[in-house]
Amino acid sequence: MAKQPKSIVDIAKEIINSDSYTVSLWEKGDKKRLYINAPYESRAYAKVGYIDLNTGRTFCEVHETRTSRGREYASLLNNIATAI
């Protein structure tokens, strides 16, 4: 039996390589986005950002890309966008 191709969510999870982040696929009509969330204080999740799967553009929710966390999130989104 032929192997099923990996889903975009599975590919993103492999790149992240951490159970701490959550990955979800959003679809509405012909629009698709891949959302990435990171652990935050008191067991909540903060939006890292999303990748517009129609255009390949990344949108980082952390506006201060000068901070190490902001740079980490922006780099993570770019790595995933490049791989998918």
PDB file of N, CA and C in Angstrom:
ATOM      1  N   MET A   1       0.846  -1.182   0.000  1.00  0.00           N
ATOM      2  CA  MET A   1       0.000   0.000   0.000  1.00  0.00           C
ATOM      3  C   MET A   1       0.896   1.252   0.000  1.00  0.00           C
ATOM      4  N   ALA A   2       0.545   2.227  -0.795  1.00  0.00           N
ATOM      5  CA  ALA A   2       1.329   3.465  -0.917  1.00  0.00           C
ATOM      6  C   ALA A   2       1.234   4.284   0.365  1.00  0.00           C
ATOM      7  N   LYS A   3       2.345   4.946   0.685  1.00  0.00           N
ATOM      8  CA  LYS A   3       2.384   5.797   1.869  1.00  0.00           C
ATOM      9  C   LYS A   3       1.609   7.083   1.622  1.00  0.00           C
ATOM     10  N   GLN A   4       0.850   7.489   2.610  1.00  0.00           N
ATOM     11  CA  GLN A   4       0.123   8.754   2.526  1.00  0.00           C
ATOM     12  C   GLN A   4       1.117   9.908   2.643  1.00  0.00           C
ATOM     13  N   PRO A   5       0.969  10.949   1.837  1.00  0.00           N
ATOM     14  CA  PRO A   5       1.859  12.104   1.982  1.00  0.00           C
ATOM     15  C   PRO A   5       1.608  12.787   3.327  1.00  0.00           C
ATOM     16  N   LYS A   6       2.649  13.393   3.874  1.00  0.00           N
ATOM     17  CA  LYS A   6       2.511  14.082   5.155  1.00  0.00           C
ATOM     18  C   LYS A   6       1.667  15.339   4.984  1.00  0.00           C
ATOM     19  N   SER A   7       0.897  15.632   6.011  1.00  0.00           N
ATOM     20  CA  SER A   7       0.103  16.855   5.978  1.00  0.00           C
ATOM     21  C   SER A   7       0.999  18.050   6.294  1.00  0.00           C
ATOM     22  N   ILE A   8       0.524  19.216   5.967  1.00  0.00           N
ATOM     23  CA  ILE A   8       1.261  20.448   6.242  1.00  0.00           C
ATOM     24  C   ILE A   8       1.470  20.603   7.740  1.00  0.00           C
ATOM     25  N   VAL A   9       0.470  20.242   8.520  1.00  0.00           N
ATOM     26  CA  VAL A   9       0.580  20.337   9.980  1.00  0.00           C
ATOM     27  C   VAL A   9       1.686  19.410  10.483  1.00  0.00           C
ATOM     28  N   ASP A  10       1.746  18.185   9.968  1.00  0.00           N
ATOM     29  CA  ASP A  10       2.793  17.239  10.380  1.00  0.00           C
ATOM     30  C   ASP A  10       4.187  17.745  10.011  1.00  0.00           C
ATOM     31  N   ILE A  11       4.315  18.322   8.828  1.00  0.00           N
ATOM     32  CA  ILE A  11       5.607  18.871   8.402  1.00  0.00           C
ATOM     33  C   ILE A  11       6.030  20.003   9.335  1.00  0.00           C
ATOM     34  N   ALA A  12       5.089  20.883   9.672  1.00  0.00           N
ATOM     35  CA  ALA A  12       5.394  22.007  10.568  1.00  0.00           C
ATOM     36  C   ALA A  12       5.814  21.495  11.947  1.00  0.00           C
ATOM     37  N   LYS A  13       5.117  20.478  12.457  1.00  0.00           N
ATOM     38  CA  LYS A  13       5.460  19.921  13.771  1.00  0.00           C
ATOM     39  C   LYS A  13       6.855  19.307  13.766  1.00  0.00           C
ATOM     40  N   GLU A  14       7.237  18.674  12.669  1.00  0.00           N
ATOM     41  CA  GLU A  14       8.586  18.104  12.564  1.00  0.00           C
ATOM     42  C   GLU A  14       9.644  19.201  12.599  1.00  0.00           C
ATOM     43  N   ILE A  15       9.382  20.312  11.936  1.00  0.00           N
ATOM     44  CA  ILE A  15      10.338  21.415  11.899  1.00  0.00           C
ATOM     45  C   ILE A  15      10.456  22.061  13.277  1.00  0.00           C
ATOM     46  N   ILE A  16       9.327  22.244  13.929  1.00  0.00           N
ATOM     47  CA  ILE A  16       9.334  22.853  15.261  1.00  0.00           C
ATOM     48  C   ILE A  16      10.063  21.944  16.245  1.00  0.00           C
ATOM     49  N   ASN A  17       9.806  20.631  16.125  1.00  0.00           N
ATOM     50  CA  ASN A  17      10.467  19.628  16.955  1.00  0.00           C
ATOM     51  C   ASN A  17      10.283  19.891  18.443  1.00  0.00           C
ATOM     52  N   SER A  18       9.082  20.292  18.830  1.00  0.00           N
ATOM     53  CA  SER A  18       8.768  20.548  20.231  1.00  0.00           C
ATOM     54  C   SER A  18       7.284  20.342  20.446  1.00  0.00           C
ATOM     55  N   ASP A  19       6.946  19.678  21.528  1.00  0.00           N
ATOM     56  CA  ASP A  19       5.531  19.478  21.854  1.00  0.00           C
ATOM     57  C   ASP A  19       4.914  20.719  22.485  1.00  0.00           C
ATOM     58  N   SER A  20       5.741  21.706  22.793  1.00  0.00           N
ATOM     59  CA  SER A  20       5.247  22.910  23.448  1.00  0.00           C
ATOM     60  C   SER A  20       4.396  23.776  22.528  1.00  0.00           C
ATOM     61  N   TYR A  21       4.732  23.790  21.257  1.00  0.00           N
ATOM     62  CA  TYR A  21       3.997  24.616  20.301  1.00  0.00           C
ATOM     63  C   TYR A  21       2.760  23.876  19.798  1.00  0.00           C
ATOM     64  N   THR A  22       1.736  24.637  19.436  1.00  0.00           N
ATOM     65  CA  THR A  22       0.578  24.040  18.783  1.00  0.00           C
ATOM     66  C   THR A  22       0.523  24.529  17.342  1.00  0.00           C
ATOM     67  N   VAL A  23       0.067  23.667  16.472  1.00  0.00           N
ATOM     68  CA  VAL A  23      -0.037  23.977  15.049  1.00  0.00           C
ATOM     69  C   VAL A  23      -1.455  23.645  14.614  1.00  0.00           C
ATOM     70  N   SER A  24      -2.095  24.574  13.922  1.00  0.00           N
ATOM     71  CA  SER A  24      -3.446  24.301  13.441  1.00  0.00           C
ATOM     72  C   SER A  24      -3.633  24.871  12.038  1.00  0.00           C
ATOM     73  N   LEU A  25      -4.456  24.196  11.292  1.00  0.00           N
ATOM     74  CA  LEU A  25      -4.755  24.607   9.921  1.00  0.00           C
ATOM     75  C   LEU A  25      -6.128  25.261   9.902  1.00  0.00           C
ATOM     76  N   TRP A  26      -6.214  26.461   9.313  1.00  0.00           N
ATOM     77  CA  TRP A  26      -7.468  27.190   9.192  1.00  0.00           C
ATOM     78  C   TRP A  26      -7.808  27.260   7.712  1.00  0.00           C
ATOM     79  N   GLU A  27      -9.048  26.946   7.401  1.00  0.00           N
ATOM     80  CA  GLU A  27      -9.502  27.019   6.009  1.00  0.00           C
ATOM     81  C   GLU A  27     -10.868  27.704   5.952  1.00  0.00           C
ATOM     82  N   LYS A  28     -11.020  28.580   4.989  1.00  0.00           N
ATOM     83  CA  LYS A  28     -12.305  29.229   4.742  1.00  0.00           C
ATOM     84  C   LYS A  28     -12.374  29.521   3.258  1.00  0.00           C
ATOM     85  N   GLY A  29     -13.310  28.854   2.580  1.00  0.00           N
ATOM     86  CA  GLY A  29     -13.390  28.987   1.125  1.00  0.00           C
ATOM     87  C   GLY A  29     -12.111  28.463   0.510  1.00  0.00           C
ATOM     88  N   ASP A  30     -11.467  29.283  -0.297  1.00  0.00           N
ATOM     89  CA  ASP A  30     -10.205  28.854  -0.908  1.00  0.00           C
ATOM     90  C   ASP A  30      -8.988  29.387  -0.149  1.00  0.00           C
ATOM     91  N   LYS A  31      -9.212  30.010   1.003  1.00  0.00           N
ATOM     92  CA  LYS A  31      -8.110  30.559   1.805  1.00  0.00           C
ATOM     93  C   LYS A  31      -7.651  29.531   2.839  1.00  0.00           C
ATOM     94  N   LYS A  32      -6.330  29.442   3.011  1.00  0.00           N
ATOM     95  CA  LYS A  32      -5.755  28.516   3.984  1.00  0.00           C
ATOM     96  C   LYS A  32      -4.629  29.213   4.730  1.00  0.00           C
ATOM     97  N   ARG A  33      -4.601  28.989   6.049  1.00  0.00           N
ATOM     98  CA  ARG A  33      -3.534  29.520   6.884  1.00  0.00           C
ATOM     99  C   ARG A  33      -3.075  28.442   7.852  1.00  0.00           C
ATOM    100  N   LEU A  34      -1.814  28.469   8.174  1.00  0.00           N
ATOM    101  CA  LEU A  34      -1.243  27.575   9.160  1.00  0.00           C
ATOM    102  C   LEU A  34      -0.851  28.435  10.357  1.00  0.00           C
ATOM    103  N   TYR A  35      -1.542  28.235  11.491  1.00  0.00           N
ATOM    104  CA  TYR A  35      -1.291  29.014  12.701  1.00  0.00           C
ATOM    105  C   TYR A  35      -0.335  28.281  13.622  1.00  0.00           C
ATOM    106  N   ILE A  36       0.592  29.027  14.227  1.00  0.00           N
ATOM    107  CA  ILE A  36       1.549  28.487  15.181  1.00  0.00           C
ATOM    108  C   ILE A  36       1.370  29.267  16.484  1.00  0.00           C
ATOM    109  N   ASN A  37       1.215  28.550  17.589  1.00  0.00           N
ATOM    110  CA  ASN A  37       1.104  29.176  18.904  1.00  0.00           C
ATOM    111  C   ASN A  37       2.176  28.612  19.817  1.00  0.00           C
ATOM    112  N   ALA A  38       2.643  29.444  20.748  1.00  0.00           N
ATOM    113  CA  ALA A  38       3.716  29.049  21.656  1.00  0.00           C
ATOM    114  C   ALA A  38       3.226  29.108  23.098  1.00  0.00           C
ATOM    115  N   PRO A  39       3.866  28.320  23.970  1.00  0.00           N
ATOM    116  CA  PRO A  39       3.490  28.380  25.383  1.00  0.00           C
ATOM    117  C   PRO A  39       3.787  29.765  25.948  1.00  0.00           C
ATOM    118  N   TYR A  40       2.946  30.191  26.852  1.00  0.00           N
ATOM    119  CA  TYR A  40       3.080  31.500  27.464  1.00  0.00           C
ATOM    120  C   TYR A  40       2.885  31.327  28.959  1.00  0.00           C
ATOM    121  N   GLU A  41       2.876  32.398  29.691  1.00  0.00           N
ATOM    122  CA  GLU A  41       2.721  32.327  31.142  1.00  0.00           C
ATOM    123  C   GLU A  41       1.394  31.682  31.529  1.00  0.00           C
ATOM    124  N   SER A  42       1.397  31.030  32.635  1.00  0.00           N
ATOM    125  CA  SER A  42       0.222  30.396  33.255  1.00  0.00           C
ATOM    126  C   SER A  42      -0.575  29.503  32.302  1.00  0.00           C
ATOM    127  N   ARG A  43       0.120  28.644  31.599  1.00  0.00           N
ATOM    128  CA  ARG A  43      -0.470  27.610  30.748  1.00  0.00           C
ATOM    129  C   ARG A  43      -1.328  28.130  29.595  1.00  0.00           C
ATOM    130  N   ALA A  44      -1.188  29.369  29.275  1.00  0.00           N
ATOM    131  CA  ALA A  44      -1.913  29.923  28.123  1.00  0.00           C
ATOM    132  C   ALA A  44      -0.996  29.836  26.902  1.00  0.00           C
ATOM    133  N   TYR A  45      -1.547  30.101  25.747  1.00  0.00           N
ATOM    134  CA  TYR A  45      -0.743  30.114  24.525  1.00  0.00           C
ATOM    135  C   TYR A  45      -0.773  31.493  23.899  1.00  0.00           C
ATOM    136  N   ALA A  46       0.361  31.912  23.404  1.00  0.00           N
ATOM    137  CA  ALA A  46       0.468  33.194  22.713  1.00  0.00           C
ATOM    138  C   ALA A  46       0.597  32.915  21.224  1.00  0.00           C
ATOM    139  N   LYS A  47      -0.018  33.748  20.426  1.00  0.00           N
ATOM    140  CA  LYS A  47       0.096  33.581  18.979  1.00  0.00           C
ATOM    141  C   LYS A  47       1.503  33.918  18.535  1.00  0.00           C
ATOM    142  N   VAL A  48       2.110  32.998  17.836  1.00  0.00           N
ATOM    143  CA  VAL A  48       3.403  33.267  17.219  1.00  0.00           C
ATOM    144  C   VAL A  48       3.151  33.974  15.898  1.00  0.00           C
ATOM    145  N   GLY A  49       2.207  33.450  15.142  1.00  0.00           N
ATOM    146  CA  GLY A  49       1.876  34.024  13.850  1.00  0.00           C
ATOM    147  C   GLY A  49       1.275  32.962  12.957  1.00  0.00           C
ATOM    148  N   TYR A  50       1.218  33.281  11.679  1.00  0.00           N
ATOM    149  CA  TYR A  50       0.672  32.311  10.735  1.00  0.00           C
ATOM    150  C   TYR A  50       1.350  32.442   9.385  1.00  0.00           C
ATOM    151  N   ILE A  51       1.147  31.409   8.589  1.00  0.00           N
ATOM    152  CA  ILE A  51       1.643  31.397   7.223  1.00  0.00           C
ATOM    153  C   ILE A  51       0.437  31.349   6.308  1.00  0.00           C
ATOM    154  N   ASP A  52       0.336  32.298   5.411  1.00  0.00           N
ATOM    155  CA  ASP A  52      -0.729  32.286   4.416  1.00  0.00           C
ATOM    156  C   ASP A  52      -0.324  31.272   3.363  1.00  0.00           C
ATOM    157  N   LEU A  53      -1.017  30.157   3.309  1.00  0.00           N
ATOM    158  CA  LEU A  53      -0.636  29.079   2.405  1.00  0.00           C
ATOM    159  C   LEU A  53      -0.947  29.386   0.944  1.00  0.00           C
ATOM    160  N   ASN A  54      -1.768  30.397   0.690  1.00  0.00           N
ATOM    161  CA  ASN A  54      -2.049  30.791  -0.685  1.00  0.00           C
ATOM    162  C   ASN A  54      -0.919  31.633  -1.278  1.00  0.00           C
ATOM    163  N   THR A  55      -0.300  32.468  -0.441  1.00  0.00           N
ATOM    164  CA  THR A  55       0.747  33.364  -0.937  1.00  0.00           C
ATOM    165  C   THR A  55       2.143  32.978  -0.454  1.00  0.00           C
ATOM    166  N   GLY A  56       2.212  32.196   0.632  1.00  0.00           N
ATOM    167  CA  GLY A  56       3.501  31.836   1.206  1.00  0.00           C
ATOM    168  C   GLY A  56       4.065  32.887   2.139  1.00  0.00           C
ATOM    169  N   ARG A  57       3.338  33.971   2.351  1.00  0.00           N
ATOM    170  CA  ARG A  57       3.809  35.039   3.238  1.00  0.00           C
ATOM    171  C   ARG A  57       3.645  34.633   4.692  1.00  0.00           C
ATOM    172  N   THR A  58       4.583  35.083   5.530  1.00  0.00           N
ATOM    173  CA  THR A  58       4.506  34.825   6.960  1.00  0.00           C
ATOM    174  C   THR A  58       4.096  36.099   7.682  1.00  0.00           C
ATOM    175  N   PHE A  59       3.347  35.934   8.743  1.00  0.00           N
ATOM    176  CA  PHE A  59       2.888  37.052   9.553  1.00  0.00           C
ATOM    177  C   PHE A  59       3.222  36.742  11.002  1.00  0.00           C
ATOM    178  N   CYS A  60       4.217  37.420  11.542  1.00  0.00           N
ATOM    179  CA  CYS A  60       4.653  37.197  12.915  1.00  0.00           C
ATOM    180  C   CYS A  60       3.841  38.102  13.834  1.00  0.00           C
ATOM    181  N   GLU A  61       3.210  37.507  14.850  1.00  0.00           N
ATOM    182  CA  GLU A  61       2.376  38.269  15.776  1.00  0.00           C
ATOM    183  C   GLU A  61       3.214  39.029  16.806  1.00  0.00           C
ATOM    184  N   VAL A  62       4.468  38.625  16.979  1.00  0.00           N
ATOM    185  CA  VAL A  62       5.346  39.305  17.926  1.00  0.00           C
ATOM    186  C   VAL A  62       5.933  40.502  17.195  1.00  0.00           C
ATOM    187  N   HIS A  63       5.520  41.679  17.605  1.00  0.00           N
ATOM    188  CA  HIS A  63       5.896  42.882  16.859  1.00  0.00           C
ATOM    189  C   HIS A  63       7.328  43.330  17.140  1.00  0.00           C
ATOM    190  N   GLU A  64       7.868  42.943  18.282  1.00  0.00           N
ATOM    191  CA  GLU A  64       9.227  43.356  18.612  1.00  0.00           C
ATOM    192  C   GLU A  64      10.214  42.314  18.129  1.00  0.00           C
ATOM    193  N   THR A  65      10.579  42.363  16.868  1.00  0.00           N
ATOM    194  CA  THR A  65      11.517  41.386  16.323  1.00  0.00           C
ATOM    195  C   THR A  65      12.939  41.673  16.778  1.00  0.00           C
ATOM    196  N   ARG A  66      13.125  42.738  17.544  1.00  0.00           N
ATOM    197  CA  ARG A  66      14.449  43.013  18.111  1.00  0.00           C
ATOM    198  C   ARG A  66      14.714  42.141  19.334  1.00  0.00           C
ATOM    199  N   THR A  67      13.664  41.599  19.953  1.00  0.00           N
ATOM    200  CA  THR A  67      13.860  40.733  21.109  1.00  0.00           C
ATOM    201  C   THR A  67      14.232  39.335  20.629  1.00  0.00           C
ATOM    202  N   SER A  68      14.872  38.575  21.488  1.00  0.00           N
ATOM    203  CA  SER A  68      15.284  37.221  21.090  1.00  0.00           C
ATOM    204  C   SER A  68      14.067  36.348  20.799  1.00  0.00           C
ATOM    205  N   ARG A  69      12.999  36.500  21.560  1.00  0.00           N
ATOM    206  CA  ARG A  69      11.795  35.711  21.308  1.00  0.00           C
ATOM    207  C   ARG A  69      11.173  36.091  19.969  1.00  0.00           C
ATOM    208  N   GLY A  70      11.109  37.367  19.674  1.00  0.00           N
ATOM    209  CA  GLY A  70      10.557  37.820  18.397  1.00  0.00           C
ATOM    210  C   GLY A  70      11.358  37.300  17.215  1.00  0.00           C
ATOM    211  N   ARG A  71      12.686  37.339  17.324  1.00  0.00           N
ATOM    212  CA  ARG A  71      13.540  36.811  16.255  1.00  0.00           C
ATOM    213  C   ARG A  71      13.365  35.300  16.114  1.00  0.00           C
ATOM    214  N   GLU A  72      13.232  34.615  17.248  1.00  0.00           N
ATOM    215  CA  GLU A  72      13.043  33.160  17.220  1.00  0.00           C
ATOM    216  C   GLU A  72      11.741  32.807  16.503  1.00  0.00           C
ATOM    217  N   TYR A  73      10.660  33.503  16.818  1.00  0.00           N
ATOM    218  CA  TYR A  73       9.368  33.228  16.193  1.00  0.00           C
ATOM    219  C   TYR A  73       9.393  33.536  14.701  1.00  0.00           C
ATOM    220  N   ALA A  74       9.987  34.673  14.331  1.00  0.00           N
ATOM    221  CA  ALA A  74      10.059  35.046  12.912  1.00  0.00           C
ATOM    222  C   ALA A  74      10.877  34.023  12.138  1.00  0.00           C
ATOM    223  N   SER A  75      11.963  33.564  12.721  1.00  0.00           N
ATOM    224  CA  SER A  75      12.800  32.552  12.071  1.00  0.00           C
ATOM    225  C   SER A  75      12.053  31.234  11.935  1.00  0.00           C
ATOM    226  N   LEU A  76      11.329  30.852  12.972  1.00  0.00           N
ATOM    227  CA  LEU A  76      10.547  29.609  12.946  1.00  0.00           C
ATOM    228  C   LEU A  76       9.507  29.650  11.821  1.00  0.00           C
ATOM    229  N   LEU A  77       8.785  30.746  11.714  1.00  0.00           N
ATOM    230  CA  LEU A  77       7.778  30.877  10.651  1.00  0.00           C
ATOM    231  C   LEU A  77       8.418  30.807   9.273  1.00  0.00           C
ATOM    232  N   ASN A  78       9.553  31.480   9.103  1.00  0.00           N
ATOM    233  CA  ASN A  78      10.222  31.451   7.805  1.00  0.00           C
ATOM    234  C   ASN A  78      10.721  30.060   7.451  1.00  0.00           C
ATOM    235  N   ASN A  79      11.247  29.338   8.433  1.00  0.00           N
ATOM    236  CA  ASN A  79      11.715  27.969   8.183  1.00  0.00           C
ATOM    237  C   ASN A  79      10.576  27.060   7.753  1.00  0.00           C
ATOM    238  N   ILE A  80       9.439  27.191   8.399  1.00  0.00           N
ATOM    239  CA  ILE A  80       8.281  26.363   8.042  1.00  0.00           C
ATOM    240  C   ILE A  80       7.777  26.741   6.651  1.00  0.00           C
ATOM    241  N   ALA A  81       7.670  28.050   6.380  1.00  0.00           N
ATOM    242  CA  ALA A  81       7.177  28.507   5.081  1.00  0.00           C
ATOM    243  C   ALA A  81       8.075  28.022   3.940  1.00  0.00           C
ATOM    244  N   THR A  82       9.363  27.990   4.178  1.00  0.00           N
ATOM    245  CA  THR A  82      10.310  27.531   3.162  1.00  0.00           C
ATOM    246  C   THR A  82      10.144  26.032   2.897  1.00  0.00           C
ATOM    247  N   ALA A  83       9.839  25.272   3.948  1.00  0.00           N
ATOM    248  CA  ALA A  83       9.760  23.815   3.833  1.00  0.00           C
ATOM    249  C   ALA A  83       8.469  23.316   3.198  1.00  0.00           C
ATOM    250  N   ILE A  84       7.413  24.111   3.289  1.00  0.00           N
ATOM    251  CA  ILE A  84       6.119  23.609   2.772  1.00  0.00           C
ATOM    252  C   ILE A  84       5.756  24.201   1.462  1.00  0.00           C
TER     253      ILE A  84
END
